[in-house]
Amino acid sequence: MAYISTEWKGTEYFPIHDFHHVEYFVGNAKQAVHFYRSAFGFEPHAYCGPETGEREKVSYVLKKNKQFFVFTTPLSSNHRGSNWLKNHGDGIYDIAFSVDCDKTAYDSCLSRGAKGVIEPELIKDNKGEYGRSSIETYGDTIHSFIHDANYKGVWAPGFEPLRLSRIPNQDTALIAIDHIVGNVEEGKMDEWREFYETIFGFTTFVRFDESDISTQYSALKSIVVRSKNWKVKMPINEPANGIKKSQIEEYLDFNEGPGVQHVAILTNDIIKSITALRANGVDFLDVPDTYYDDLEERVGPIDEDMEKLKQLKILVDRDEEGYLLQLFTKPLEDRPTLFIEIIQRKGSRGFGQGNFQALFESIEREQALRGNL
């Protein structure tokens, strides 16, 4: 049964202000950048590569309102991203957080058992101070701590402004990262819940078991941990026993281990966002028309036009605090791993529990087309 609590039970060992950025490892950053610009409406922001003195990689930074996506391609087989891409394909390598001091955050986490990846480094130049450090999390994913409040450069030392030709598309009205979801192996979900509670001092907000998220074929379990200020929310999924292969098992097979399943992006006008995204060529999971037959009876009165929601295939769910609207893209790469969720919150701080059945069945239909159910 679902467990939901808005009470703070964690310990804030150090303030985490928000998601700072996500960094992808990709085989061809130039092409990935074009896709995220043309499809999702991101804008060029910063760049580093051979032209700026960087010989091992290229990194493009894209911005859309309050969110930053970084796309990195290794230029050498010695770069850590080369082996990462061999195992996982294109995907999210780094979930970075904004903190007051990267060294304080790093030392605090290591004191409670975290494993370091990049030791704290404070870089000073004529544009100010920039601090970064990183620790391991599930699979080959990392968390970086970024302290750049005193840095006045375009992004980070070694980066220059990124200037690219304009791409005509519709404004997608995407604002910020709402939450980021990870998939882990069966039996590992609670280990990673304990990791976030112990290392970061997060609290458990939501818990779902196989009775909440299942079909006749497969099921999953999910738990959500969060920061004290609600800005960082991290759902973690694991597969549950079922007759056939679950979406989480399919992910783990193709990703060759745990990793980031999807990023949820917040909008204040989901009808505008989905209309624009569809016009820009983004493919979304299908929602059967029958989902809308008794929608108003299930969720009560809402501000949006029901017919418009049906036309755009947008899902709706309500809890005691309000309601939310959401829709999920199909996987963004040939490996059926990473996808994007678009979400609008109108009071609700949940994750669309009432939509799990429709969503799960839609994903299973796509799995069956790939021969992976």
Protein backbone atom coordinates (compact mmCIF):
# COMPACT_ATOMS: atom_id res chain seq x y z
CA MET A 1 0.00 0.00 0.00
CA ALA A 2 1.11 3.56 -0.66
CA TYR A 3 2.82 5.50 2.13
CA ILE A 4 2.83 9.28 1.82
CA SER A 5 4.16 11.73 4.40
CA THR A 6 4.77 15.46 4.15
CA GLU A 7 6.44 15.52 7.60
CA TRP A 8 10.18 16.25 7.67
CA LYS A 9 12.03 13.46 9.49
CA GLY A 10 15.50 13.90 8.03
CA THR A 11 18.64 15.67 9.19
CA GLU A 12 20.00 18.55 7.12
CA TYR A 13 23.74 17.94 7.42
CA PHE A 14 24.38 20.71 4.89
CA PRO A 15 21.94 22.79 2.80
CA ILE A 16 21.22 21.55 -0.72
CA HIS A 17 19.58 24.45 -2.53
CA ASP A 18 18.43 22.80 -5.75
CA PHE A 19 19.47 20.74 -8.75
CA HIS A 20 22.36 22.64 -10.31
CA HIS A 21 22.46 20.69 -13.59
CA VAL A 22 22.43 17.24 -15.12
CA GLU A 23 25.34 16.09 -17.27
CA TYR A 24 24.90 13.56 -20.04
CA PHE A 25 27.60 11.40 -21.58
CA VAL A 26 26.71 11.12 -25.27
CA GLY A 27 28.39 9.71 -28.35
CA ASN A 28 27.94 12.90 -30.37
CA ALA A 29 27.28 16.01 -28.30
CA LYS A 30 26.82 18.22 -31.35
CA GLN A 31 23.87 16.11 -32.53
CA ALA A 32 22.39 15.74 -29.03
CA VAL A 33 22.50 19.51 -28.59
CA HIS A 34 20.64 20.00 -31.86
CA PHE A 35 17.93 17.54 -30.73
CA TYR A 36 17.37 19.12 -27.31
CA ARG A 37 17.30 22.57 -28.87
CA SER A 38 14.90 21.73 -31.68
CA ALA A 39 12.64 19.34 -29.73
CA PHE A 40 12.67 20.69 -26.16
CA GLY A 41 13.49 24.33 -26.81
CA PHE A 42 16.76 24.56 -24.88
CA GLU A 43 19.04 27.50 -25.65
CA PRO A 44 22.84 27.60 -26.13
CA HIS A 45 24.72 28.76 -23.04
CA ALA A 46 28.37 27.66 -22.74
CA TYR A 47 31.01 25.43 -24.32
CA CYS A 48 34.41 23.90 -23.67
CA GLY A 49 36.53 21.81 -26.03
CA PRO A 50 39.69 21.96 -28.11
CA GLU A 51 38.94 25.58 -29.04
CA THR A 52 39.06 26.54 -25.35
CA GLY A 53 42.12 24.40 -24.49
CA GLU A 54 40.29 21.21 -23.43
CA ARG A 55 41.79 18.18 -25.21
CA GLU A 56 39.96 15.24 -23.58
CA LYS A 57 36.31 16.16 -24.17
CA VAL A 58 33.77 18.61 -25.49
CA SER A 59 30.94 19.86 -23.26
CA TYR A 60 27.98 21.93 -24.40
CA VAL A 61 25.78 23.63 -21.79
CA LEU A 62 22.13 24.27 -22.70
CA LYS A 63 19.72 26.36 -20.67
CA LYS A 64 15.94 26.59 -20.47
CA ASN A 65 14.73 29.03 -17.84
CA LYS A 66 16.03 27.66 -14.49
CA GLN A 67 17.47 24.35 -15.74
CA PHE A 68 20.80 23.45 -17.26
CA PHE A 69 21.64 20.31 -19.27
CA VAL A 70 25.30 19.57 -20.07
CA PHE A 71 26.21 17.23 -22.96
CA THR A 72 29.72 15.79 -22.88
CA THR A 73 31.45 13.65 -25.50
CA PRO A 74 34.89 12.13 -24.82
CA LEU A 75 37.60 12.90 -27.38
CA SER A 76 39.90 10.18 -26.04
CA SER A 77 39.48 6.54 -25.05
CA ASN A 78 41.22 7.48 -21.79
CA HIS A 79 38.34 9.73 -20.74
CA ARG A 80 36.03 8.09 -18.18
CA GLY A 81 33.08 8.78 -20.45
CA SER A 82 34.35 6.39 -23.15
CA ASN A 83 33.92 3.29 -21.03
CA TRP A 84 30.70 4.69 -19.57
CA LEU A 85 29.21 5.04 -23.06
CA LYS A 86 30.35 1.54 -24.03
CA ASN A 87 28.37 0.09 -21.13
CA HIS A 88 25.33 2.34 -20.94
CA GLY A 89 24.93 4.27 -24.19
CA ASP A 90 23.83 7.91 -24.07
CA GLY A 91 22.47 8.85 -20.66
CA ILE A 92 22.79 10.94 -17.52
CA TYR A 93 26.08 10.57 -15.70
CA ASP A 94 25.95 13.38 -13.16
CA ILE A 95 23.09 14.76 -11.05
CA ALA A 96 24.62 17.94 -9.64
CA PHE A 97 23.44 19.95 -6.64
CA SER A 98 23.90 23.62 -5.68
CA VAL A 99 25.52 23.94 -2.23
CA ASP A 100 27.11 26.63 -0.08
CA CYS A 101 30.50 24.90 -0.07
CA ASP A 102 31.47 21.87 -2.15
CA LYS A 103 34.21 20.85 0.30
CA THR A 104 31.87 20.95 3.29
CA ALA A 105 29.31 18.84 1.40
CA TYR A 106 31.96 16.37 0.20
CA ASP A 107 33.62 15.94 3.61
CA SER A 108 30.24 15.62 5.31
CA CYS A 109 29.13 12.84 2.94
CA LEU A 110 32.43 10.94 3.18
CA SER A 111 32.28 11.09 6.98
CA ARG A 112 29.11 8.99 6.81
CA GLY A 113 30.37 6.43 4.30
CA ALA A 114 30.07 7.95 0.82
CA LYS A 115 32.76 7.18 -1.76
CA GLY A 116 34.48 10.11 -3.42
CA VAL A 117 34.96 10.51 -7.18
CA ILE A 118 36.34 14.04 -7.59
CA GLU A 119 38.01 15.62 -4.57
CA PRO A 120 37.10 19.23 -3.75
CA GLU A 121 38.82 21.75 -5.97
CA LEU A 122 38.45 25.51 -5.70
CA ILE A 123 39.44 27.25 -8.92
CA LYS A 124 40.14 30.98 -8.82
CA ASP A 125 40.47 33.18 -11.87
CA ASN A 126 39.63 36.74 -12.90
CA LYS A 127 35.93 35.82 -12.89
CA GLY A 128 35.80 34.64 -9.28
CA GLU A 129 35.79 31.30 -7.45
CA TYR A 130 34.33 27.99 -8.60
CA GLY A 131 34.21 24.89 -6.41
CA ARG A 132 33.26 21.35 -7.36
CA SER A 133 33.47 17.85 -5.88
CA SER A 134 31.67 14.54 -6.56
CA ILE A 135 30.61 11.30 -4.91
CA GLU A 136 29.27 7.96 -6.17
CA THR A 137 25.60 6.99 -6.19
CA TYR A 138 23.66 4.11 -7.83
CA GLY A 139 25.29 2.36 -10.78
CA ASP A 140 27.91 4.51 -12.51
CA THR A 141 26.03 7.73 -11.73
CA ILE A 142 27.57 10.46 -9.59
CA HIS A 143 26.43 13.47 -7.59
CA SER A 144 28.47 16.65 -7.93
CA PHE A 145 28.42 19.50 -5.43
CA ILE A 146 28.74 22.89 -7.11
CA HIS A 147 29.61 26.13 -5.34
CA ASP A 148 29.55 28.96 -7.87
CA ALA A 149 27.79 31.82 -6.05
CA ASN A 150 30.99 33.88 -6.34
CA TYR A 151 31.74 32.96 -9.93
CA LYS A 152 30.81 35.52 -12.59
CA GLY A 153 31.88 33.57 -15.67
CA VAL A 154 29.49 32.14 -18.24
CA TRP A 155 29.42 28.67 -16.61
CA ALA A 156 32.69 27.38 -15.13
CA PRO A 157 36.42 27.93 -15.64
CA GLY A 158 37.46 26.86 -19.13
CA PHE A 159 34.04 27.54 -20.66
CA GLU A 160 33.14 30.24 -23.15
CA PRO A 161 29.74 31.48 -24.33
CA LEU A 162 28.10 29.10 -26.81
CA ARG A 163 26.79 30.84 -29.91
CA LEU A 164 24.81 28.75 -32.38
CA SER A 165 22.48 29.62 -35.23
CA ARG A 166 18.84 30.05 -34.27
CA ILE A 167 16.49 27.08 -34.60
CA PRO A 168 12.86 28.02 -35.33
CA ASN A 169 10.50 26.12 -33.03
CA GLN A 170 7.64 26.66 -30.61
CA ASP A 171 8.31 27.79 -27.03
CA THR A 172 7.97 24.74 -24.81
CA ALA A 173 7.50 26.77 -21.57
CA LEU A 174 9.65 24.36 -19.54
CA ILE A 175 10.81 25.92 -16.29
CA ALA A 176 12.92 23.72 -14.01
CA ILE A 177 13.80 20.17 -12.97
CA ASP A 178 11.06 18.84 -10.69
CA HIS A 179 12.53 15.42 -9.84
CA ILE A 180 14.94 12.80 -11.16
CA VAL A 181 14.18 9.06 -11.06
CA GLY A 182 16.66 6.21 -10.73
CA ASN A 183 16.20 2.48 -11.45
CA VAL A 184 18.05 -0.06 -9.30
CA GLU A 185 18.15 -3.85 -9.06
CA GLU A 186 15.53 -5.93 -7.27
CA GLY A 187 16.10 -5.82 -3.52
CA LYS A 188 18.30 -2.69 -3.70
CA MET A 189 15.68 0.07 -3.39
CA ASP A 190 15.80 0.24 0.40
CA GLU A 191 19.58 0.15 0.39
CA TRP A 192 19.57 3.32 -1.69
CA ARG A 193 16.82 4.85 0.46
CA GLU A 194 19.13 4.29 3.43
CA PHE A 195 22.02 5.82 1.44
CA TYR A 196 20.14 9.08 0.82
CA GLU A 197 18.84 9.21 4.37
CA THR A 198 22.28 8.50 5.87
CA ILE A 199 24.58 10.37 3.50
CA PHE A 200 22.42 13.40 2.68
CA GLY A 201 19.98 13.39 5.59
CA PHE A 202 17.02 13.22 3.20
CA THR A 203 13.61 12.04 4.40
CA THR A 204 11.30 9.45 2.83
CA PHE A 205 8.29 11.17 1.31
CA VAL A 206 6.45 8.49 -0.67
CA ARG A 207 6.54 4.70 -0.86
CA PHE A 208 4.66 2.48 -3.31
CA ASP A 209 4.68 -1.31 -3.52
CA GLU A 210 3.55 -3.81 -6.15
CA SER A 211 -0.10 -3.47 -5.08
CA ASP A 212 0.05 0.20 -6.18
CA ILE A 213 2.02 -0.21 -9.44
CA SER A 214 1.23 -3.40 -11.37
CA THR A 215 -0.52 -5.02 -14.31
CA GLN A 216 -1.41 -8.63 -15.03
CA TYR A 217 2.15 -9.09 -16.31
CA SER A 218 4.59 -7.09 -14.20
CA ALA A 219 5.05 -4.78 -11.22
CA LEU A 220 7.48 -2.39 -9.59
CA LYS A 221 8.21 -0.81 -6.23
CA SER A 222 9.12 2.85 -5.74
CA ILE A 223 10.24 5.15 -2.98
CA VAL A 224 10.81 8.92 -2.99
CA VAL A 225 13.38 10.74 -0.86
CA ARG A 226 13.64 14.53 -0.70
CA SER A 227 15.62 17.44 0.65
CA LYS A 228 14.32 19.63 3.46
CA ASN A 229 13.36 22.47 1.11
CA TRP A 230 11.48 20.13 -1.31
CA LYS A 231 13.64 21.33 -4.24
CA VAL A 232 15.42 17.97 -4.65
CA LYS A 233 13.15 14.95 -4.99
CA MET A 234 14.66 11.58 -5.94
CA PRO A 235 12.33 8.64 -6.66
CA ILE A 236 14.02 5.22 -6.76
CA ASN A 237 12.42 2.22 -8.49
CA GLU A 238 13.10 -1.49 -8.34
CA PRO A 239 11.38 -4.39 -10.17
CA ALA A 240 8.91 -6.63 -8.38
CA ASN A 241 8.05 -10.23 -9.18
CA GLY A 242 5.69 -10.64 -12.14
CA ILE A 243 4.71 -13.07 -14.88
CA LYS A 244 6.76 -11.18 -17.48
CA LYS A 245 9.64 -8.71 -17.61
CA SER A 246 8.87 -5.33 -16.04
CA GLN A 247 9.83 -1.94 -17.47
CA ILE A 248 12.50 -1.67 -14.76
CA GLU A 249 14.05 -5.02 -15.75
CA GLU A 250 14.07 -3.92 -19.39
CA TYR A 251 15.86 -0.73 -18.37
CA LEU A 252 18.43 -2.61 -16.26
CA ASP A 253 19.13 -5.01 -19.15
CA PHE A 254 19.68 -2.31 -21.76
CA ASN A 255 21.47 0.11 -19.43
CA GLU A 256 23.60 -2.77 -18.17
CA GLY A 257 22.92 -1.79 -14.59
CA PRO A 258 21.27 0.91 -12.47
CA GLY A 259 20.99 4.49 -13.64
CA VAL A 260 18.77 7.50 -14.26
CA GLN A 261 15.43 6.47 -15.78
CA HIS A 262 13.90 9.89 -16.34
CA VAL A 263 14.00 13.60 -15.61
CA ALA A 264 10.73 15.32 -14.76
CA ILE A 265 10.57 18.91 -16.03
CA LEU A 266 8.17 21.41 -14.49
CA THR A 267 5.90 23.68 -16.50
CA ASN A 268 3.27 26.23 -15.49
CA ASP A 269 1.20 25.56 -18.61
CA ILE A 270 1.27 21.90 -19.63
CA ILE A 271 -1.19 22.41 -22.49
CA LYS A 272 1.15 24.97 -24.03
CA SER A 273 4.17 22.75 -23.36
CA ILE A 274 2.74 19.52 -24.82
CA THR A 275 1.27 21.37 -27.81
CA ALA A 276 4.69 22.85 -28.57
CA LEU A 277 6.62 19.65 -27.88
CA ARG A 278 4.37 17.62 -30.19
CA ALA A 279 4.74 20.30 -32.88
CA ASN A 280 8.52 20.10 -32.39
CA GLY A 281 8.45 16.35 -33.06
CA VAL A 282 8.62 14.85 -29.54
CA ASP A 283 7.05 11.38 -29.27
CA PHE A 284 4.95 10.65 -26.18
CA LEU A 285 3.51 7.47 -24.73
CA ASP A 286 0.00 6.76 -25.94
CA VAL A 287 -2.97 7.09 -23.57
CA PRO A 288 -6.20 5.29 -24.57
CA ASP A 289 -9.33 7.42 -24.96
CA THR A 290 -11.07 5.29 -22.32
CA TYR A 291 -8.79 6.90 -19.69
CA TYR A 292 -10.84 10.10 -20.07
CA ASP A 293 -14.30 8.49 -19.87
CA ASP A 294 -14.68 9.08 -16.13
CA LEU A 295 -11.76 11.43 -15.54
CA GLU A 296 -13.81 14.29 -14.10
CA GLU A 297 -15.55 11.89 -11.75
CA ARG A 298 -12.19 10.54 -10.57
CA VAL A 299 -10.27 13.81 -10.14
CA GLY A 300 -13.03 16.35 -9.58
CA PRO A 301 -13.21 19.84 -11.11
CA ILE A 302 -10.06 21.18 -12.74
CA ASP A 303 -9.19 24.42 -14.52
CA GLU A 304 -8.24 22.83 -17.85
CA ASP A 305 -10.49 21.87 -20.77
CA MET A 306 -11.07 18.10 -20.59
CA GLU A 307 -11.36 17.80 -24.35
CA LYS A 308 -8.01 19.52 -24.80
CA LEU A 309 -6.40 17.17 -22.32
CA LYS A 310 -7.86 14.19 -24.17
CA GLN A 311 -6.64 15.53 -27.49
CA LEU A 312 -3.09 15.99 -26.14
CA LYS A 313 -3.19 12.72 -24.08
CA ILE A 314 -2.34 14.50 -20.81
CA LEU A 315 -2.83 12.57 -17.55
CA VAL A 316 -4.40 14.08 -14.41
CA ASP A 317 -4.27 13.01 -10.75
CA ARG A 318 -5.50 14.55 -7.50
CA ASP A 319 -4.47 14.18 -3.87
CA GLU A 320 -5.42 15.96 -0.66
CA GLU A 321 -3.25 18.99 -1.53
CA GLY A 322 -4.40 19.57 -5.09
CA TYR A 323 -3.88 18.02 -8.51
CA LEU A 324 -1.17 17.54 -11.09
CA LEU A 325 -1.00 17.02 -14.85
CA GLN A 326 1.72 14.93 -16.52
CA LEU A 327 2.85 13.13 -19.64
CA PHE A 328 5.87 10.98 -20.49
CA THR A 329 7.93 10.84 -23.66
CA LYS A 330 8.98 7.61 -25.28
CA PRO A 331 12.67 6.68 -24.72
CA LEU A 332 14.91 9.33 -26.23
CA GLU A 333 17.61 6.94 -27.48
CA ASP A 334 17.59 3.61 -29.31
CA ARG A 335 18.26 1.83 -26.03
CA PRO A 336 14.89 1.93 -24.20
CA THR A 337 16.31 3.67 -21.15
CA LEU A 338 16.14 7.43 -20.57
CA PHE A 339 12.97 9.47 -21.09
CA ILE A 340 11.50 12.83 -20.03
CA GLU A 341 8.38 13.60 -18.00
CA ILE A 342 6.53 16.89 -18.34
CA ILE A 343 4.64 17.85 -15.17
CA GLN A 344 2.49 20.72 -13.95
CA ARG A 345 1.65 20.98 -10.26
CA LYS A 346 -1.51 22.71 -9.07
CA GLY A 347 -1.11 22.13 -5.35
CA SER A 348 -0.20 18.45 -5.47
CA ARG A 349 3.25 17.40 -4.30
CA GLY A 350 2.67 13.77 -5.31
CA PHE A 351 3.74 11.78 -8.35
CA GLY A 352 0.49 10.80 -10.05
CA GLN A 353 -0.34 7.56 -8.21
CA GLY A 354 -3.76 7.46 -9.84
CA ASN A 355 -2.08 7.40 -13.26
CA PHE A 356 0.29 4.53 -12.53
CA GLN A 357 -1.96 1.90 -14.03
CA ALA A 358 -2.54 3.76 -17.30
CA LEU A 359 1.13 4.71 -17.51
CA PHE A 360 2.36 1.21 -16.74
CA GLU A 361 0.10 -0.35 -19.36
CA SER A 362 1.23 2.22 -21.94
CA ILE A 363 4.88 1.39 -21.26
CA GLU A 364 4.15 -2.33 -21.52
CA ARG A 365 2.60 -1.81 -24.96
CA GLU A 366 5.86 -0.20 -26.08
CA GLN A 367 7.85 -3.04 -24.50
CA ALA A 368 5.80 -5.59 -26.41
CA LEU A 369 6.56 -3.80 -29.71
CA ARG A 370 10.27 -4.14 -28.88
CA GLY A 371 9.85 -7.84 -27.97
CA ASN A 372 10.96 -7.21 -24.38
CA LEU A 373 7.79 -7.91 -22.36
